[in-house]
N, C-alpha and C. Protein backbone atom coordinates (compact mmCIF):
# COMPACT_ATOMS: atom_id res chain seq x y z
N SER A 1 0.84 -1.21 0.01
CA SER A 1 -0.02 -0.04 0.00
C SER A 1 0.84 1.21 0.01
N PRO A 2 0.41 2.31 -0.62
CA PRO A 2 1.29 3.53 -0.67
C PRO A 2 1.53 4.18 0.74
N HIS A 3 0.55 4.00 1.70
CA HIS A 3 0.80 4.54 3.04
C HIS A 3 1.88 3.74 3.78
N HIS A 4 1.91 2.44 3.47
CA HIS A 4 2.99 1.59 4.14
C HIS A 4 4.30 1.94 3.54
N GLN A 5 4.41 2.17 2.22
CA GLN A 5 5.59 2.60 1.59
C GLN A 5 6.11 3.94 2.07
N GLN A 6 5.22 4.82 2.38
CA GLN A 6 5.54 6.18 2.89
C GLN A 6 6.24 5.95 4.29
N GLY A 7 5.63 5.09 5.16
CA GLY A 7 6.11 4.81 6.49
C GLY A 7 7.53 4.20 6.31
N ASP A 8 7.74 3.29 5.42
CA ASP A 8 9.00 2.68 5.19
C ASP A 8 9.99 3.78 4.87
N ALA A 9 9.65 4.61 3.98
CA ALA A 9 10.63 5.71 3.48
C ALA A 9 10.99 6.61 4.63
N ALA A 10 9.99 7.00 5.48
CA ALA A 10 10.27 7.80 6.59
C ALA A 10 11.21 7.13 7.61
N SER A 11 10.94 5.88 7.81
CA SER A 11 11.82 5.05 8.73
C SER A 11 13.21 4.98 8.19
N ARG A 12 13.47 4.71 6.84
CA ARG A 12 14.72 4.66 6.30
C ARG A 12 15.46 6.01 6.42
N LEU A 13 14.68 7.10 6.22
CA LEU A 13 15.32 8.51 6.31
C LEU A 13 15.78 8.64 7.80
N GLN A 14 14.93 8.26 8.79
CA GLN A 14 15.38 8.36 10.18
C GLN A 14 16.57 7.60 10.49
N LEU A 15 16.67 6.42 9.93
CA LEU A 15 17.82 5.57 10.12
C LEU A 15 19.12 6.18 9.54
N VAL A 16 18.99 6.69 8.28
CA VAL A 16 20.10 7.36 7.66
C VAL A 16 20.57 8.54 8.48
N ASN A 17 19.59 9.42 9.03
CA ASN A 17 19.93 10.51 9.89
C ASN A 17 20.66 10.09 11.18
N LEU A 18 20.14 8.96 11.76
CA LEU A 18 20.73 8.45 12.92
C LEU A 18 22.13 8.06 12.72
N LYS A 19 22.39 7.29 11.79
CA LYS A 19 23.72 6.84 11.38
C LYS A 19 24.65 8.03 11.14
N ALA A 20 24.17 9.03 10.38
CA ALA A 20 25.00 10.20 10.12
C ALA A 20 25.42 10.85 11.43
N ALA A 21 24.36 11.04 12.36
CA ALA A 21 24.60 11.69 13.63
C ALA A 21 25.68 10.95 14.35
N ALA A 22 25.54 9.58 14.40
CA ALA A 22 26.54 8.73 15.07
C ALA A 22 27.90 8.93 14.52
N GLN A 23 28.04 8.99 13.25
CA GLN A 23 29.38 9.26 12.61
C GLN A 23 29.89 10.59 13.04
N ASN A 24 29.01 11.66 13.07
CA ASN A 24 29.44 12.95 13.36
C ASN A 24 30.03 13.09 14.83
N ILE A 25 29.55 12.22 15.71
CA ILE A 25 30.08 12.30 17.04
C ILE A 25 31.30 11.31 17.22
N GLY A 26 31.67 10.75 16.08
CA GLY A 26 32.83 9.92 16.14
C GLY A 26 32.64 8.39 16.42
N LEU A 27 31.43 7.88 16.30
CA LEU A 27 31.19 6.49 16.60
C LEU A 27 31.89 5.62 15.47
N ASP A 28 32.79 4.76 15.87
CA ASP A 28 33.52 3.98 14.86
C ASP A 28 32.62 2.89 14.32
N THR A 29 32.80 2.68 13.04
CA THR A 29 31.91 1.67 12.29
C THR A 29 32.23 0.26 12.79
N GLY A 30 33.26 0.04 13.47
CA GLY A 30 33.53 -1.29 14.07
C GLY A 30 33.10 -1.48 15.49
N SER A 31 32.36 -0.54 16.03
CA SER A 31 31.94 -0.63 17.37
C SER A 31 30.68 -1.29 17.65
N VAL A 32 30.41 -1.75 18.88
CA VAL A 32 29.14 -2.31 19.29
C VAL A 32 27.94 -1.40 19.05
N GLY A 33 28.21 -0.08 19.24
CA GLY A 33 27.17 0.95 18.98
C GLY A 33 26.78 1.01 17.56
N TRP A 34 27.78 0.94 16.63
CA TRP A 34 27.48 0.94 15.20
C TRP A 34 26.73 -0.36 14.83
N ALA A 35 27.13 -1.45 15.46
CA ALA A 35 26.47 -2.75 15.15
C ALA A 35 25.01 -2.65 15.55
N ILE A 36 24.72 -2.00 16.68
CA ILE A 36 23.29 -1.81 17.05
C ILE A 36 22.52 -1.03 15.99
N LEU A 37 23.12 0.02 15.48
CA LEU A 37 22.45 0.84 14.50
C LEU A 37 22.33 -0.04 13.18
N GLU A 38 23.27 -0.82 12.78
CA GLU A 38 23.09 -1.69 11.70
C GLU A 38 22.08 -2.70 11.87
N LYS A 39 21.96 -3.25 13.08
CA LYS A 39 20.94 -4.18 13.43
C LYS A 39 19.57 -3.54 13.28
N LEU A 40 19.33 -2.39 13.77
CA LEU A 40 18.15 -1.65 13.63
C LEU A 40 17.74 -1.44 12.14
N VAL A 41 18.73 -1.04 11.39
CA VAL A 41 18.52 -0.88 9.95
C VAL A 41 17.97 -2.21 9.37
N HIS A 42 18.74 -3.23 9.62
CA HIS A 42 18.42 -4.56 8.99
C HIS A 42 17.04 -5.04 9.40
N GLU A 43 16.82 -5.00 10.78
CA GLU A 43 15.55 -5.62 11.23
C GLU A 43 14.38 -4.76 10.95
N SER A 44 14.53 -3.43 10.86
CA SER A 44 13.39 -2.59 10.56
C SER A 44 12.79 -2.89 9.16
N ASP A 45 13.59 -3.48 8.30
CA ASP A 45 13.19 -3.99 6.98
C ASP A 45 12.30 -5.15 7.02
N HIS A 46 12.36 -5.97 8.03
CA HIS A 46 11.75 -7.30 8.05
C HIS A 46 10.42 -7.30 8.80
N HIS A 47 10.00 -6.20 9.42
CA HIS A 47 8.75 -6.00 10.00
C HIS A 47 8.40 -7.08 11.12
N ASP A 48 9.43 -7.48 11.85
CA ASP A 48 9.34 -8.44 12.97
C ASP A 48 8.69 -7.63 14.06
N ALA A 49 7.73 -8.16 14.79
CA ALA A 49 6.89 -7.36 15.88
C ALA A 49 7.88 -6.86 16.89
N GLU A 50 8.78 -7.62 17.46
CA GLU A 50 9.65 -7.18 18.53
C GLU A 50 10.63 -6.03 18.10
N TRP A 51 11.18 -6.13 16.89
CA TRP A 51 11.99 -5.14 16.38
C TRP A 51 11.23 -3.88 15.93
N THR A 52 10.01 -4.08 15.50
CA THR A 52 9.16 -2.91 15.19
C THR A 52 8.80 -2.05 16.42
N GLU A 53 8.60 -2.78 17.50
CA GLU A 53 8.42 -2.09 18.80
C GLU A 53 9.58 -1.34 19.29
N ILE A 54 10.76 -1.92 19.06
CA ILE A 54 12.01 -1.29 19.45
C ILE A 54 12.18 -0.01 18.63
N TRP A 55 11.99 -0.11 17.26
CA TRP A 55 12.20 0.99 16.38
C TRP A 55 11.21 2.12 16.73
N SER A 56 9.99 1.65 17.02
CA SER A 56 8.93 2.65 17.41
C SER A 56 9.35 3.51 18.66
N VAL A 57 9.93 2.84 19.72
CA VAL A 57 10.32 3.53 20.84
C VAL A 57 11.46 4.48 20.52
N VAL A 58 12.41 4.06 19.69
CA VAL A 58 13.56 4.80 19.29
C VAL A 58 13.10 6.12 18.50
N THR A 59 12.12 5.99 17.63
CA THR A 59 11.73 7.08 16.76
C THR A 59 10.60 7.96 17.38
N THR A 60 9.78 7.43 18.20
CA THR A 60 8.62 8.18 18.69
C THR A 60 8.52 8.25 20.20
N GLY A 61 9.35 7.54 20.89
CA GLY A 61 9.17 7.45 22.32
C GLY A 61 10.09 8.32 23.14
N LYS A 62 10.75 9.34 22.57
CA LYS A 62 11.58 10.17 23.29
C LYS A 62 12.53 9.37 24.13
N SER A 63 13.29 8.48 23.53
CA SER A 63 14.32 7.67 24.23
C SER A 63 15.68 8.09 23.78
N THR A 64 16.70 7.49 24.46
CA THR A 64 18.13 7.73 24.28
C THR A 64 18.68 6.42 23.96
N LEU A 65 19.47 6.33 22.88
CA LEU A 65 20.26 5.16 22.51
C LEU A 65 21.63 5.33 23.13
N LEU A 66 21.98 4.22 23.77
CA LEU A 66 23.38 4.10 24.34
C LEU A 66 24.14 3.30 23.33
N LEU A 67 25.18 3.90 22.77
CA LEU A 67 25.95 3.23 21.65
C LEU A 67 27.31 3.02 22.20
N PRO A 68 27.52 1.75 22.64
CA PRO A 68 28.92 1.42 23.17
C PRO A 68 29.94 1.65 22.17
N LEU A 69 31.11 2.11 22.70
CA LEU A 69 32.31 2.37 21.84
C LEU A 69 33.18 1.19 21.68
N GLU A 70 32.95 0.10 22.50
CA GLU A 70 33.88 -1.09 22.51
C GLU A 70 33.76 -1.69 21.03
N SER A 71 34.87 -2.35 20.63
CA SER A 71 34.87 -2.99 19.38
C SER A 71 33.92 -4.15 19.27
N SER A 72 33.27 -4.27 18.14
CA SER A 72 32.30 -5.33 17.92
C SER A 72 33.05 -6.56 17.50
N SER A 73 32.44 -7.71 17.77
CA SER A 73 33.10 -8.97 17.24
C SER A 73 31.97 -9.77 16.63
N SER A 74 32.40 -10.72 15.78
CA SER A 74 31.38 -11.49 15.03
C SER A 74 30.67 -12.46 15.96
N HIS A 75 31.18 -12.60 17.23
CA HIS A 75 30.54 -13.42 18.22
C HIS A 75 29.38 -12.68 19.02
N ASP A 76 29.40 -11.33 18.80
CA ASP A 76 28.37 -10.57 19.48
C ASP A 76 26.99 -10.95 19.03
N LYS A 77 26.04 -11.24 19.89
CA LYS A 77 24.71 -11.63 19.53
C LYS A 77 23.82 -10.39 19.80
N LEU A 78 23.41 -9.69 18.81
CA LEU A 78 22.59 -8.49 18.91
C LEU A 78 21.11 -8.91 18.96
N THR A 79 20.68 -9.40 20.02
CA THR A 79 19.23 -9.82 20.28
C THR A 79 18.45 -8.60 20.56
N PRO A 80 17.15 -8.76 20.43
CA PRO A 80 16.20 -7.64 20.88
C PRO A 80 16.51 -7.30 22.36
N GLU A 81 16.73 -8.25 23.21
CA GLU A 81 17.02 -8.02 24.67
C GLU A 81 18.24 -7.21 24.81
N PHE A 82 19.26 -7.44 24.12
CA PHE A 82 20.55 -6.76 24.12
C PHE A 82 20.32 -5.35 23.76
N VAL A 83 19.67 -5.10 22.64
CA VAL A 83 19.31 -3.74 22.16
C VAL A 83 18.43 -2.96 23.18
N LYS A 84 17.45 -3.62 23.71
CA LYS A 84 16.62 -2.96 24.77
C LYS A 84 17.42 -2.54 25.92
N ASP A 85 18.51 -3.26 26.33
CA ASP A 85 19.40 -2.81 27.38
C ASP A 85 20.06 -1.56 27.02
N HIS A 86 20.07 -1.08 25.78
CA HIS A 86 20.84 0.08 25.38
C HIS A 86 19.89 1.26 24.94
N ILE A 87 18.63 1.10 25.26
CA ILE A 87 17.70 2.22 25.02
C ILE A 87 17.10 2.63 26.36
N ILE A 88 17.41 3.93 26.68
CA ILE A 88 16.87 4.41 27.96
C ILE A 88 15.79 5.44 27.78
N LEU A 89 14.90 5.33 28.76
CA LEU A 89 13.77 6.24 28.88
C LEU A 89 14.01 7.11 30.13
N CYS A 90 13.88 8.36 29.93
CA CYS A 90 14.05 9.33 31.01
C CYS A 90 13.15 10.49 30.77
N ASP A 91 13.14 11.47 31.68
CA ASP A 91 12.28 12.58 31.50
C ASP A 91 13.00 13.94 31.71
N SER A 92 14.26 14.05 31.33
CA SER A 92 15.05 15.20 31.63
C SER A 92 16.22 15.27 30.65
N SER A 93 16.56 16.47 30.32
CA SER A 93 17.85 16.63 29.57
C SER A 93 19.02 16.86 30.51
N SER A 94 18.70 17.01 31.80
CA SER A 94 19.73 17.20 32.86
C SER A 94 20.53 15.81 32.92
N ARG A 95 21.74 15.91 33.50
CA ARG A 95 22.49 14.77 33.71
C ARG A 95 22.90 14.61 35.18
N THR A 96 22.05 15.25 36.04
CA THR A 96 22.29 15.14 37.50
C THR A 96 21.28 14.37 38.15
N SER A 97 21.66 13.11 38.61
CA SER A 97 20.82 12.22 39.35
C SER A 97 19.45 11.97 38.62
N VAL A 98 19.50 11.74 37.34
CA VAL A 98 18.30 11.54 36.55
C VAL A 98 17.89 10.12 36.65
N PRO A 99 16.57 9.84 37.00
CA PRO A 99 16.12 8.42 36.98
C PRO A 99 15.95 7.94 35.54
N ILE A 100 16.46 6.76 35.30
CA ILE A 100 16.23 6.10 33.97
C ILE A 100 15.72 4.73 34.12
N ILE A 101 15.12 4.29 33.00
CA ILE A 101 14.64 2.91 32.75
C ILE A 101 15.13 2.45 31.45
N THR A 102 15.70 1.33 31.33
CA THR A 102 15.96 0.80 29.99
C THR A 102 14.69 0.14 29.46
N LEU A 103 14.67 -0.10 28.11
CA LEU A 103 13.49 -0.67 27.48
C LEU A 103 13.42 -2.16 27.93
N SER A 104 14.55 -2.70 28.57
CA SER A 104 14.44 -4.12 29.10
C SER A 104 13.89 -4.12 30.57
N GLY A 105 13.80 -2.97 31.12
CA GLY A 105 13.37 -2.90 32.49
C GLY A 105 14.43 -2.64 33.53
N LEU A 106 15.64 -2.46 33.22
CA LEU A 106 16.71 -2.10 34.14
C LEU A 106 16.47 -0.63 34.64
N ARG A 107 16.62 -0.45 35.91
CA ARG A 107 16.31 0.84 36.51
C ARG A 107 17.57 1.41 37.20
N GLY A 108 17.82 2.67 37.11
CA GLY A 108 18.90 3.30 37.74
C GLY A 108 18.90 4.82 37.61
N THR A 109 20.11 5.39 37.73
CA THR A 109 20.32 6.85 37.62
C THR A 109 21.46 7.14 36.75
N LEU A 110 21.29 8.27 36.00
CA LEU A 110 22.38 8.83 35.29
C LEU A 110 22.80 10.04 36.10
N ASN A 111 24.09 10.09 36.47
CA ASN A 111 24.60 11.20 37.19
C ASN A 111 25.90 11.63 36.51
N TYR A 112 25.82 12.76 35.83
CA TYR A 112 26.88 13.26 34.90
C TYR A 112 27.19 12.24 33.88
N ASN A 113 28.40 11.68 33.99
CA ASN A 113 28.84 10.70 32.97
C ASN A 113 28.85 9.27 33.47
N LYS A 114 28.00 9.00 34.65
CA LYS A 114 27.95 7.72 35.17
C LYS A 114 26.57 7.19 35.25
N LEU A 115 26.36 5.98 34.71
CA LEU A 115 25.07 5.31 34.75
C LEU A 115 25.20 4.19 35.74
N THR A 116 24.29 4.14 36.75
CA THR A 116 24.26 3.06 37.66
C THR A 116 22.97 2.36 37.76
N PHE A 117 22.95 1.03 37.57
CA PHE A 117 21.68 0.29 37.65
C PHE A 117 21.56 -0.28 39.04
N ARG A 118 20.36 -0.08 39.57
CA ARG A 118 20.14 -0.59 40.92
C ARG A 118 18.88 -1.34 41.19
N SER A 119 18.07 -1.56 40.15
CA SER A 119 16.81 -2.26 40.30
C SER A 119 16.30 -2.68 39.00
N THR A 120 15.11 -3.29 38.96
CA THR A 120 14.44 -3.59 37.73
C THR A 120 12.93 -3.34 37.86
N ILE A 121 12.27 -3.26 36.74
CA ILE A 121 10.83 -3.25 36.64
C ILE A 121 10.44 -4.14 35.57
N HIS A 122 9.45 -4.91 35.95
CA HIS A 122 9.02 -6.01 34.97
C HIS A 122 8.39 -5.34 33.79
N PRO A 123 8.83 -5.68 32.62
CA PRO A 123 8.36 -5.03 31.38
C PRO A 123 6.83 -5.26 31.11
N ASP A 124 6.25 -6.27 31.75
CA ASP A 124 4.80 -6.48 31.60
C ASP A 124 3.93 -5.75 32.52
N SER A 125 4.53 -5.00 33.49
CA SER A 125 3.80 -4.30 34.53
C SER A 125 3.14 -3.09 33.98
N ARG A 126 2.09 -2.62 34.75
CA ARG A 126 1.37 -1.42 34.26
C ARG A 126 2.31 -0.16 34.37
N ILE A 127 3.10 -0.10 35.42
CA ILE A 127 3.94 1.14 35.55
C ILE A 127 4.94 1.16 34.41
N PHE A 128 5.44 0.00 33.99
CA PHE A 128 6.40 -0.02 32.85
C PHE A 128 5.72 0.49 31.64
N HIS A 129 4.47 0.02 31.35
CA HIS A 129 3.77 0.43 30.14
C HIS A 129 3.48 1.96 30.18
N ASN A 130 3.25 2.52 31.33
CA ASN A 130 3.08 4.00 31.52
C ASN A 130 4.39 4.71 31.23
N LEU A 131 5.47 4.06 31.50
CA LEU A 131 6.85 4.67 31.28
C LEU A 131 7.03 4.76 29.75
N LEU A 132 6.53 3.81 28.97
CA LEU A 132 6.72 3.81 27.57
C LEU A 132 6.05 4.99 26.80
N VAL A 133 4.98 5.47 27.42
CA VAL A 133 4.28 6.53 26.83
C VAL A 133 4.76 7.86 27.22
N PRO A 134 5.31 8.71 26.26
CA PRO A 134 5.85 9.94 26.62
C PRO A 134 4.88 10.84 27.49
N SER A 135 3.68 10.82 27.27
CA SER A 135 2.74 11.65 27.94
C SER A 135 2.46 11.22 29.37
N THR A 136 2.73 9.98 29.71
CA THR A 136 2.54 9.55 31.15
C THR A 136 3.87 9.18 31.79
N ARG A 137 5.04 9.48 31.17
CA ARG A 137 6.32 9.06 31.71
C ARG A 137 6.66 9.86 32.96
N THR A 138 6.42 11.16 32.91
CA THR A 138 6.82 11.96 34.09
C THR A 138 6.05 11.47 35.39
N SER A 139 4.76 11.28 35.29
CA SER A 139 4.03 10.77 36.48
C SER A 139 4.40 9.37 36.84
N ALA A 140 4.63 8.55 35.84
CA ALA A 140 5.12 7.17 36.18
C ALA A 140 6.48 7.08 36.84
N LEU A 141 7.38 7.94 36.35
CA LEU A 141 8.71 8.02 37.11
C LEU A 141 8.57 8.49 38.49
N SER A 142 7.74 9.55 38.69
CA SER A 142 7.57 10.12 40.11
C SER A 142 6.84 9.09 40.93
N ALA A 143 6.11 8.13 40.40
CA ALA A 143 5.34 7.22 41.22
C ALA A 143 6.21 6.00 41.68
N LEU A 144 7.38 5.90 41.03
CA LEU A 144 8.31 4.72 41.39
C LEU A 144 8.81 4.87 42.78
N PRO A 145 9.00 3.70 43.48
CA PRO A 145 9.58 3.83 44.83
C PRO A 145 11.01 4.31 44.67
N ASP A 146 11.60 4.74 45.83
CA ASP A 146 12.95 5.24 45.86
C ASP A 146 13.81 4.05 45.54
N LEU A 147 14.94 4.38 44.92
CA LEU A 147 15.96 3.34 44.70
C LEU A 147 16.81 3.11 45.96
N PRO A 148 17.42 1.94 46.14
CA PRO A 148 18.32 1.78 47.30
C PRO A 148 19.38 2.83 47.27
N LEU A 149 19.84 3.21 48.40
CA LEU A 149 21.04 4.13 48.43
C LEU A 149 22.23 3.43 48.13
N ILE A 150 23.19 4.14 47.51
CA ILE A 150 24.51 3.52 47.14
C ILE A 150 25.46 3.75 48.21
N SER A 151 25.95 2.66 48.83
CA SER A 151 26.92 2.73 49.83
C SER A 151 28.31 2.64 49.16
N PRO A 152 29.38 3.14 49.79
CA PRO A 152 30.77 3.00 49.22
C PRO A 152 31.08 1.57 48.88
N SER A 153 30.55 0.54 49.61
CA SER A 153 30.91 -0.71 49.39
C SER A 153 30.06 -1.50 48.41
N SER A 154 29.03 -0.77 47.85
CA SER A 154 28.10 -1.41 46.94
C SER A 154 28.75 -1.94 45.62
N SER A 155 28.17 -2.84 45.00
CA SER A 155 28.74 -3.30 43.71
C SER A 155 27.68 -3.32 42.60
N TYR A 156 26.89 -2.22 42.59
CA TYR A 156 25.89 -2.07 41.57
C TYR A 156 26.61 -1.85 40.17
N PRO A 157 26.10 -2.37 39.11
CA PRO A 157 26.75 -2.14 37.86
C PRO A 157 26.78 -0.67 37.36
N THR A 158 27.89 -0.20 37.10
CA THR A 158 28.04 1.25 36.73
C THR A 158 28.85 1.38 35.38
N TYR A 159 28.39 2.31 34.55
CA TYR A 159 28.99 2.44 33.24
C TYR A 159 29.28 3.95 33.02
N ALA A 160 30.38 4.16 32.24
CA ALA A 160 30.69 5.50 31.86
C ALA A 160 29.86 5.84 30.62
N VAL A 161 29.19 7.02 30.61
CA VAL A 161 28.39 7.45 29.53
C VAL A 161 28.77 8.87 29.17
N PRO A 162 29.71 9.01 28.21
CA PRO A 162 30.09 10.37 27.79
C PRO A 162 28.90 11.12 27.15
N ALA A 163 28.85 12.36 27.29
CA ALA A 163 27.77 13.17 26.85
C ALA A 163 27.95 13.45 25.32
N HIS A 164 26.97 13.03 24.60
CA HIS A 164 26.73 13.41 23.13
C HIS A 164 25.33 13.49 22.82
N SER A 165 24.98 14.29 21.81
CA SER A 165 23.55 14.36 21.48
C SER A 165 23.42 14.35 20.01
């Protein structure tokens, strides 16, 4: 149908723009982040329901893609679950103690250039579904219980996240 082809053309253009932006900030074409973009390009052509959902969140859900700089290997399995771990939902452009949720349900905070995961939310829960919708995200984030405090001896997973937009 012509409408379906228009949607495909718009998606392809968004992907081209996304890849161009990634190259402009210096993302190496041999990195895991680039492999994620390539996977999104490839899978968006096949109309698989899970990948379509991921692409929809990336393009319309006011999300942030985390594109790892590490070198990619042919052994890396870029599953929908892996990619969902690299898409964050938040409600702020600030980088000071911002609550985030990944599309896979990991929950934590972004504090300057450090992302720390400290909890999870089940992706089938009502609160998670409210987080997916940009218009209900603010109220859903504020309704979440407080995260556990980070003690100096804690071993929560923490990642460096350089600032790029």
